[in-house]
Amino acid sequence: MAQKPRLLLIDDSEATVAGLKSFLDHKYEVSTACNGLEGMRVFDETDTQPDLVITDLVMPGISGLGVISLLKQQFPLIPIIAMTGWGQLPSEMATEAKADMVLMKPFELEDLDRSVSKLLNGKTSRRAI
């Protein structure tokens, strides 16, 4: 049996983390973090690097923009999906920080699933949904 792709999900909303993890768990191995600093710690301490990172942009401590910038400096090929409910400016900032895709909250779970699949299969370029 093939190993499930590994995802790291970072969001400061426990409800968002719980809901997205529950949705994604059927298809992926999902690690979670409740803020950017914890997300970086989980990423660094995990024996096997995640195949994809999903992060909220606006969080206390290290923001999602900081997470994206740090990860892309060290691991430029890792696909990252940024999530935001804060309008156009954060979306543009996420793209500038080299997020591979930006999902505007609220989004449909099927859009997230499709986005993860496309990025894991290398079938997309940077864009906002």
Protein backbone atom coordinates (compact mmCIF):
# COMPACT_ATOMS: atom_id res chain seq x y z
CA MET A 1 0.00 0.00 0.00
CA ALA A 2 1.39 3.39 -0.98
CA GLN A 3 2.11 5.88 1.75
CA LYS A 4 -0.29 8.82 2.00
CA PRO A 5 1.17 12.24 1.09
CA ARG A 6 2.08 14.26 4.19
CA LEU A 7 0.54 17.68 4.83
CA LEU A 8 1.29 20.31 7.46
CA LEU A 9 -1.77 22.44 8.32
CA ILE A 10 -1.16 25.69 10.24
CA ASP A 11 -4.00 27.91 11.51
CA ASP A 12 -4.65 29.73 14.77
CA SER A 13 -8.34 28.73 14.74
CA GLU A 14 -8.82 25.39 16.50
CA ALA A 15 -12.16 24.94 14.73
CA THR A 16 -10.56 25.49 11.32
CA VAL A 17 -7.73 23.07 12.10
CA ALA A 18 -10.14 20.42 13.39
CA GLY A 19 -12.50 20.74 10.42
CA LEU A 20 -9.82 20.76 7.73
CA LYS A 21 -7.88 17.92 9.38
CA SER A 22 -11.04 15.82 9.57
CA PHE A 23 -11.73 16.48 5.88
CA LEU A 24 -8.16 15.86 4.70
CA ASP A 25 -7.36 12.84 6.91
CA HIS A 26 -9.14 10.41 4.58
CA LYS A 27 -6.59 11.04 1.84
CA TYR A 28 -3.50 12.49 3.53
CA GLU A 29 -1.36 12.16 6.64
CA VAL A 30 -2.02 15.53 8.32
CA SER A 31 0.14 17.19 10.99
CA THR A 32 -1.20 20.37 12.56
CA ALA A 33 0.02 23.50 14.33
CA CYS A 34 -1.92 26.34 15.96
CA ASN A 35 0.44 29.18 14.97
CA GLY A 36 3.39 29.95 12.72
CA LEU A 37 6.06 29.33 15.35
CA GLU A 38 4.60 25.92 16.23
CA GLY A 39 4.27 25.17 12.51
CA MET A 40 7.97 25.82 11.97
CA ARG A 41 8.79 23.64 14.98
CA VAL A 42 6.60 20.79 13.68
CA PHE A 43 8.19 21.12 10.24
CA ASP A 44 11.73 21.03 11.68
CA GLU A 45 11.07 18.22 14.18
CA THR A 46 9.20 15.89 11.86
CA ASP A 47 11.31 12.94 10.72
CA THR A 48 9.88 13.13 7.22
CA GLN A 49 9.38 16.51 5.56
CA PRO A 50 5.76 17.29 4.64
CA ASP A 51 4.92 17.06 0.94
CA LEU A 52 2.82 20.24 1.14
CA VAL A 53 2.08 23.03 3.64
CA ILE A 54 -1.26 24.79 4.12
CA THR A 55 -1.07 27.95 6.23
CA ASP A 56 -3.33 30.76 7.30
CA LEU A 57 -1.80 34.17 6.63
CA VAL A 58 -2.90 36.18 9.68
CA MET A 59 -1.75 34.57 12.92
CA PRO A 60 -0.09 35.77 16.12
CA GLY A 61 3.68 35.42 16.44
CA ILE A 62 5.10 34.33 13.11
CA SER A 63 2.50 35.08 10.45
CA GLY A 64 1.75 32.82 7.54
CA LEU A 65 3.74 35.21 5.37
CA GLY A 66 6.75 34.62 7.62
CA VAL A 67 6.24 30.86 7.48
CA ILE A 68 6.02 30.94 3.67
CA SER A 69 9.14 33.11 3.33
CA LEU A 70 11.20 30.97 5.73
CA LEU A 71 10.16 27.66 4.20
CA LYS A 72 10.66 28.84 0.61
CA GLN A 73 14.19 30.08 1.49
CA GLN A 74 15.14 26.65 2.86
CA PHE A 75 12.95 24.43 0.66
CA PRO A 76 12.10 26.35 -2.52
CA LEU A 77 10.30 23.42 -4.15
CA ILE A 78 7.85 22.64 -1.33
CA PRO A 79 4.31 23.54 -2.42
CA ILE A 80 2.51 25.95 -0.09
CA ILE A 81 -1.14 26.94 -0.03
CA ALA A 82 -1.96 30.19 1.79
CA MET A 83 -5.45 30.76 3.21
CA THR A 84 -6.81 34.23 3.93
CA GLY A 85 -10.05 35.97 4.63
CA TRP A 86 -8.52 39.42 4.62
CA GLY A 87 -9.02 40.46 1.01
CA GLN A 88 -6.71 41.40 -1.86
CA LEU A 89 -3.64 42.81 -0.05
CA PRO A 90 -2.80 39.64 1.93
CA SER A 91 -3.38 37.58 -1.20
CA GLU A 92 -0.89 39.70 -3.14
CA MET A 93 1.57 39.51 -0.24
CA ALA A 94 1.25 35.71 -0.13
CA THR A 95 1.96 35.51 -3.85
CA GLU A 96 4.97 37.79 -3.41
CA ALA A 97 6.21 35.55 -0.57
CA LYS A 98 6.03 32.70 -3.14
CA ALA A 99 2.95 30.83 -1.97
CA ASP A 100 2.04 28.46 -4.78
CA MET A 101 -1.67 29.05 -4.34
CA VAL A 102 -3.91 31.36 -2.32
CA LEU A 103 -7.38 30.31 -1.19
CA MET A 104 -9.74 33.08 -0.16
CA LYS A 105 -11.82 32.21 2.92
CA PRO A 106 -14.46 30.98 2.97
CA PHE A 107 -13.70 28.34 0.36
CA GLU A 108 -15.30 25.04 -0.56
CA LEU A 109 -13.58 21.94 0.81
CA GLU A 110 -13.59 20.48 -2.69
CA ASP A 111 -11.56 23.51 -3.88
CA LEU A 112 -8.97 22.79 -1.19
CA ASP A 113 -8.86 19.10 -2.09
CA ARG A 114 -8.48 19.92 -5.79
CA SER A 115 -5.75 22.49 -5.04
CA VAL A 116 -3.78 20.05 -2.87
CA SER A 117 -4.03 17.34 -5.54
CA LYS A 118 -2.92 19.70 -8.32
CA LEU A 119 0.08 20.95 -6.36
CA LEU A 120 1.15 17.47 -5.29
CA ASN A 121 0.95 16.35 -8.91
CA GLY A 122 2.78 19.47 -10.16
CA LYS A 123 -0.11 20.54 -12.38
CA THR A 124 -0.51 24.18 -11.40
CA SER A 125 1.23 27.52 -11.30
CA ARG A 126 0.89 30.27 -8.71
CA ARG A 127 -2.62 31.66 -8.54
CA ALA A 128 -5.40 32.78 -6.24
CA ILE A 129 -8.76 31.06 -5.92
